[in-house]
């Protein structure tokens, strides 16, 4: 999936003790979140160790070592979804028993100057 985050390029920016989490900056690869104005080459700052709310943009790990940037939603039936902000990409349903975790919630997007 071109929307996956190249996790090897993570860069620890600062330790943030707000709410007990750490803040990291991750390079974005791909265009699965383009309609949220997050595109290839941007960096996102994420906060770890905080509760995830419906609609948060998160960095999630799926099936060990596959990382993706998507919006997290819970539908009326209680199903959990990772949803891209680009209709060319599929939604990902998180099923009971899936190897799934959230690394952090996106707090800022850093764009390269034009």
Protein backbone atom coordinates (compact mmCIF):
# COMPACT_ATOMS: atom_id res chain seq x y z
CA UNK A 1 0.00 0.00 0.00
CA UNK A 2 1.63 3.26 -1.07
CA UNK A 3 0.01 4.93 1.94
CA UNK A 4 2.22 2.97 4.33
CA UNK A 5 4.69 4.86 6.45
CA UNK A 6 8.38 4.00 5.96
CA UNK A 7 8.85 3.17 9.61
CA UNK A 8 12.62 2.89 9.24
CA UNK A 9 12.66 6.64 8.61
CA UNK A 10 11.14 7.53 11.95
CA UNK A 11 12.84 10.38 13.76
CA UNK A 12 12.45 10.95 17.47
CA UNK A 13 11.89 14.68 17.81
CA UNK A 14 11.21 15.29 21.48
CA UNK A 15 10.03 13.66 24.63
CA UNK A 16 6.70 15.13 25.63
CA UNK A 17 5.44 14.31 29.10
CA UNK A 18 1.98 15.72 28.41
CA UNK A 19 -0.47 12.91 29.16
CA UNK A 20 2.50 10.57 29.66
CA UNK A 21 3.22 10.17 25.94
CA UNK A 22 6.19 10.54 23.68
CA UNK A 23 6.15 12.71 20.57
CA UNK A 24 7.65 11.38 17.34
CA UNK A 25 7.94 12.72 13.82
CA UNK A 26 7.35 10.24 10.96
CA UNK A 27 7.91 10.75 7.23
CA UNK A 28 4.83 10.16 5.07
CA UNK A 29 5.05 7.99 1.98
CA UNK A 30 2.10 7.84 -0.40
CA UNK A 31 -1.20 9.58 -0.98
CA UNK A 32 -3.84 7.64 0.97
CA UNK A 33 -4.51 10.73 3.14
CA UNK A 34 -4.34 13.41 0.42
CA UNK A 35 -7.89 14.66 1.03
CA UNK A 36 -6.85 15.39 4.63
CA UNK A 37 -3.98 17.46 3.16
CA UNK A 38 -1.35 14.90 4.18
CA UNK A 39 0.79 13.77 1.24
CA UNK A 40 4.03 12.07 0.27
CA UNK A 41 7.01 13.98 1.64
CA UNK A 42 5.17 15.50 4.60
CA UNK A 43 6.05 14.68 8.17
CA UNK A 44 3.49 14.00 10.85
CA UNK A 45 4.01 14.45 14.55
CA UNK A 46 2.29 11.84 16.63
CA UNK A 47 1.68 11.48 20.33
CA UNK A 48 1.86 8.03 21.87
CA UNK A 49 0.18 6.78 25.03
CA UNK A 50 -3.05 8.75 24.66
CA UNK A 51 -6.60 7.43 24.27
CA UNK A 52 -7.73 7.10 20.66
CA UNK A 53 -10.98 8.83 19.77
CA UNK A 54 -13.32 8.17 16.87
CA UNK A 55 -12.08 10.18 13.88
CA UNK A 56 -8.46 10.56 15.04
CA UNK A 57 -5.75 10.23 12.41
CA UNK A 58 -3.38 7.54 13.65
CA UNK A 59 -0.28 5.57 12.78
CA UNK A 60 -1.35 1.93 13.07
CA UNK A 61 0.60 -1.32 12.91
CA UNK A 62 -1.14 -4.16 11.11
CA UNK A 63 0.12 -7.75 10.86
CA UNK A 64 3.52 -6.98 12.42
CA UNK A 65 5.78 -4.52 10.62
CA UNK A 66 3.13 -3.03 8.31
CA UNK A 67 2.48 0.58 9.28
CA UNK A 68 -0.18 2.85 7.86
CA UNK A 69 -1.52 6.36 8.35
CA UNK A 70 -5.34 6.42 8.41
CA UNK A 71 -8.33 7.83 10.28
CA UNK A 72 -9.69 5.55 13.00
CA UNK A 73 -13.46 5.06 13.20
CA UNK A 74 -15.90 2.84 15.08
CA UNK A 75 -19.21 2.25 13.29
CA UNK A 76 -22.67 1.83 14.86
CA UNK A 77 -22.16 -1.94 15.14
CA UNK A 78 -18.89 -1.45 17.03
CA UNK A 79 -16.67 -2.44 14.08
CA UNK A 80 -13.29 -0.68 14.01
CA UNK A 81 -12.01 0.77 10.74
CA UNK A 82 -8.91 2.46 9.37
CA UNK A 83 -10.18 4.85 6.72
CA UNK A 84 -8.07 6.63 4.09
CA UNK A 85 -8.75 10.20 3.00
CA UNK A 86 -8.56 9.21 -0.66
CA UNK A 87 -11.33 7.28 -2.39
CA UNK A 88 -8.74 5.38 -4.48
CA UNK A 89 -7.71 3.42 -1.37
CA UNK A 90 -9.78 0.81 0.50
CA UNK A 91 -10.96 1.03 4.08
CA UNK A 92 -9.37 -1.53 6.40
CA UNK A 93 -11.62 -3.35 8.84
CA UNK A 94 -9.98 -4.38 12.10
CA UNK A 95 -11.38 -7.76 13.12
CA UNK A 96 -11.27 -9.43 16.51
CA UNK A 97 -8.00 -11.35 16.73
CA UNK A 98 -6.19 -9.22 14.13
CA UNK A 99 -2.62 -8.27 14.97
CA UNK A 100 -3.35 -4.55 15.29
CA UNK A 101 -2.05 -1.71 17.42
CA UNK A 102 -2.00 2.07 17.27
CA UNK A 103 1.40 3.70 17.62
CA UNK A 104 0.07 7.18 18.13
CA UNK A 105 -2.34 9.96 17.25
CA UNK A 106 -1.32 12.62 14.73
CA UNK A 107 -1.07 16.04 16.36
CA UNK A 108 0.62 18.11 13.61
CA UNK A 109 1.40 17.89 9.90
CA UNK A 110 4.62 19.45 8.62
CA UNK A 111 4.66 20.28 4.89
CA UNK A 112 7.74 20.97 2.81
CA UNK A 113 7.85 24.49 1.39
CA UNK A 114 6.90 24.78 -2.27
